[in-house]
Amino acid sequence: MKDKDKTKEQLISKLVEMRRRIAELESWAMERKRSEETLGEVG
C-alpha cells in the first residue's frame, strides 16, 4: 500500500515507528564510535 492511500492514523503510526528506529540507530552509532575510540586508545 502506498503512503498516499493510507489513513492519517496509519501515517502517524509509521512516523512514530521510523522515529524510534532512527533513535535506535543513532544510539548504536554512538556506542560504536565509543568502542572504536576505546580500541584506538588501547592499540
N, C-alpha and C. Protein backbone atom coordinates (compact mmCIF):
# COMPACT_ATOMS: atom_id res chain seq x y z
N MET A 1 0.84 -1.18 0.00
CA MET A 1 0.00 0.00 0.00
C MET A 1 0.89 1.25 0.00
N LYS A 2 0.59 2.16 -0.87
CA LYS A 2 1.35 3.40 -0.96
C LYS A 2 0.92 4.36 0.13
N ASP A 3 1.85 5.24 0.54
CA ASP A 3 1.56 6.18 1.61
C ASP A 3 0.34 7.04 1.32
N LYS A 4 0.15 7.42 0.06
CA LYS A 4 -0.99 8.30 -0.26
C LYS A 4 -2.33 7.60 -0.06
N ASP A 5 -2.31 6.27 0.00
CA ASP A 5 -3.54 5.51 0.20
C ASP A 5 -3.80 5.19 1.68
N LYS A 6 -2.88 5.57 2.56
CA LYS A 6 -3.01 5.26 3.99
C LYS A 6 -3.80 6.34 4.71
N THR A 7 -4.39 5.93 5.83
CA THR A 7 -5.13 6.89 6.65
C THR A 7 -4.14 7.73 7.45
N LYS A 8 -4.63 8.82 8.00
CA LYS A 8 -3.80 9.68 8.83
C LYS A 8 -3.22 8.89 10.00
N GLU A 9 -4.03 8.05 10.62
CA GLU A 9 -3.59 7.25 11.76
C GLU A 9 -2.47 6.28 11.35
N GLN A 10 -2.59 5.69 10.17
CA GLN A 10 -1.56 4.77 9.68
C GLN A 10 -0.25 5.52 9.43
N LEU A 11 -0.35 6.71 8.87
CA LEU A 11 0.85 7.51 8.60
C LEU A 11 1.52 7.96 9.90
N ILE A 12 0.72 8.35 10.88
CA ILE A 12 1.28 8.75 12.16
C ILE A 12 1.97 7.56 12.82
N SER A 13 1.37 6.41 12.76
CA SER A 13 1.96 5.20 13.32
C SER A 13 3.29 4.88 12.65
N LYS A 14 3.32 5.01 11.33
CA LYS A 14 4.55 4.76 10.58
C LYS A 14 5.62 5.77 10.96
N LEU A 15 5.25 7.04 11.13
CA LEU A 15 6.18 8.08 11.52
C LEU A 15 6.77 7.80 12.90
N VAL A 16 5.93 7.41 13.84
CA VAL A 16 6.39 7.08 15.20
C VAL A 16 7.40 5.94 15.15
N GLU A 17 7.09 4.90 14.38
CA GLU A 17 7.99 3.75 14.26
C GLU A 17 9.32 4.16 13.61
N MET A 18 9.28 4.99 12.60
CA MET A 18 10.51 5.43 11.93
C MET A 18 11.37 6.28 12.87
N ARG A 19 10.73 7.14 13.66
CA ARG A 19 11.48 7.94 14.63
C ARG A 19 12.15 7.05 15.67
N ARG A 20 11.45 6.00 16.10
CA ARG A 20 12.01 5.06 17.08
C ARG A 20 13.23 4.35 16.48
N ARG A 21 13.11 3.93 15.24
CA ARG A 21 14.21 3.24 14.57
C ARG A 21 15.42 4.16 14.39
N ILE A 22 15.17 5.42 14.04
CA ILE A 22 16.26 6.39 13.88
C ILE A 22 16.98 6.57 15.21
N ALA A 23 16.22 6.72 16.29
CA ALA A 23 16.83 6.89 17.62
C ALA A 23 17.67 5.67 17.98
N GLU A 24 17.19 4.49 17.66
CA GLU A 24 17.92 3.26 17.94
C GLU A 24 19.22 3.21 17.13
N LEU A 25 19.15 3.55 15.87
CA LEU A 25 20.35 3.54 15.02
C LEU A 25 21.36 4.59 15.48
N GLU A 26 20.88 5.76 15.89
CA GLU A 26 21.79 6.79 16.40
C GLU A 26 22.48 6.32 17.67
N SER A 27 21.75 5.63 18.52
CA SER A 27 22.32 5.09 19.75
C SER A 27 23.40 4.06 19.43
N TRP A 28 23.11 3.16 18.50
CA TRP A 28 24.10 2.16 18.10
C TRP A 28 25.34 2.83 17.51
N ALA A 29 25.14 3.88 16.72
CA ALA A 29 26.27 4.57 16.11
C ALA A 29 27.15 5.21 17.18
N MET A 30 26.54 5.79 18.20
CA MET A 30 27.32 6.40 19.28
C MET A 30 28.09 5.33 20.05
N GLU A 31 27.45 4.19 20.31
CA GLU A 31 28.13 3.09 21.00
C GLU A 31 29.32 2.60 20.18
N ARG A 32 29.13 2.47 18.88
CA ARG A 32 30.22 2.01 18.02
C ARG A 32 31.38 3.00 18.03
N LYS A 33 31.06 4.28 17.96
CA LYS A 33 32.10 5.30 17.97
C LYS A 33 32.89 5.24 19.27
N ARG A 34 32.19 5.10 20.40
CA ARG A 34 32.89 5.00 21.69
C ARG A 34 33.78 3.76 21.72
N SER A 35 33.28 2.65 21.19
CA SER A 35 34.06 1.42 21.16
C SER A 35 35.32 1.60 20.30
N GLU A 36 35.16 2.24 19.15
CA GLU A 36 36.31 2.46 18.26
C GLU A 36 37.32 3.39 18.92
N GLU A 37 36.84 4.41 19.64
CA GLU A 37 37.75 5.31 20.33
C GLU A 37 38.50 4.57 21.43
N THR A 38 37.81 3.71 22.14
CA THR A 38 38.44 2.91 23.21
C THR A 38 39.48 1.98 22.62
N LEU A 39 39.15 1.33 21.54
CA LEU A 39 40.10 0.43 20.88
C LEU A 39 41.32 1.20 20.36
N GLY A 40 41.09 2.40 19.88
CA GLY A 40 42.18 3.23 19.38
C GLY A 40 43.13 3.63 20.49
N GLU A 41 42.60 3.86 21.69
CA GLU A 41 43.43 4.22 22.84
C GLU A 41 44.25 3.03 23.29
N VAL A 42 43.68 1.83 23.21
CA VAL A 42 44.38 0.61 23.63
C VAL A 42 45.48 0.25 22.64
N GLY A 43 45.16 0.39 21.34
CA GLY A 43 46.08 -0.05 20.30
C GLY A 43 47.03 0.98 19.96
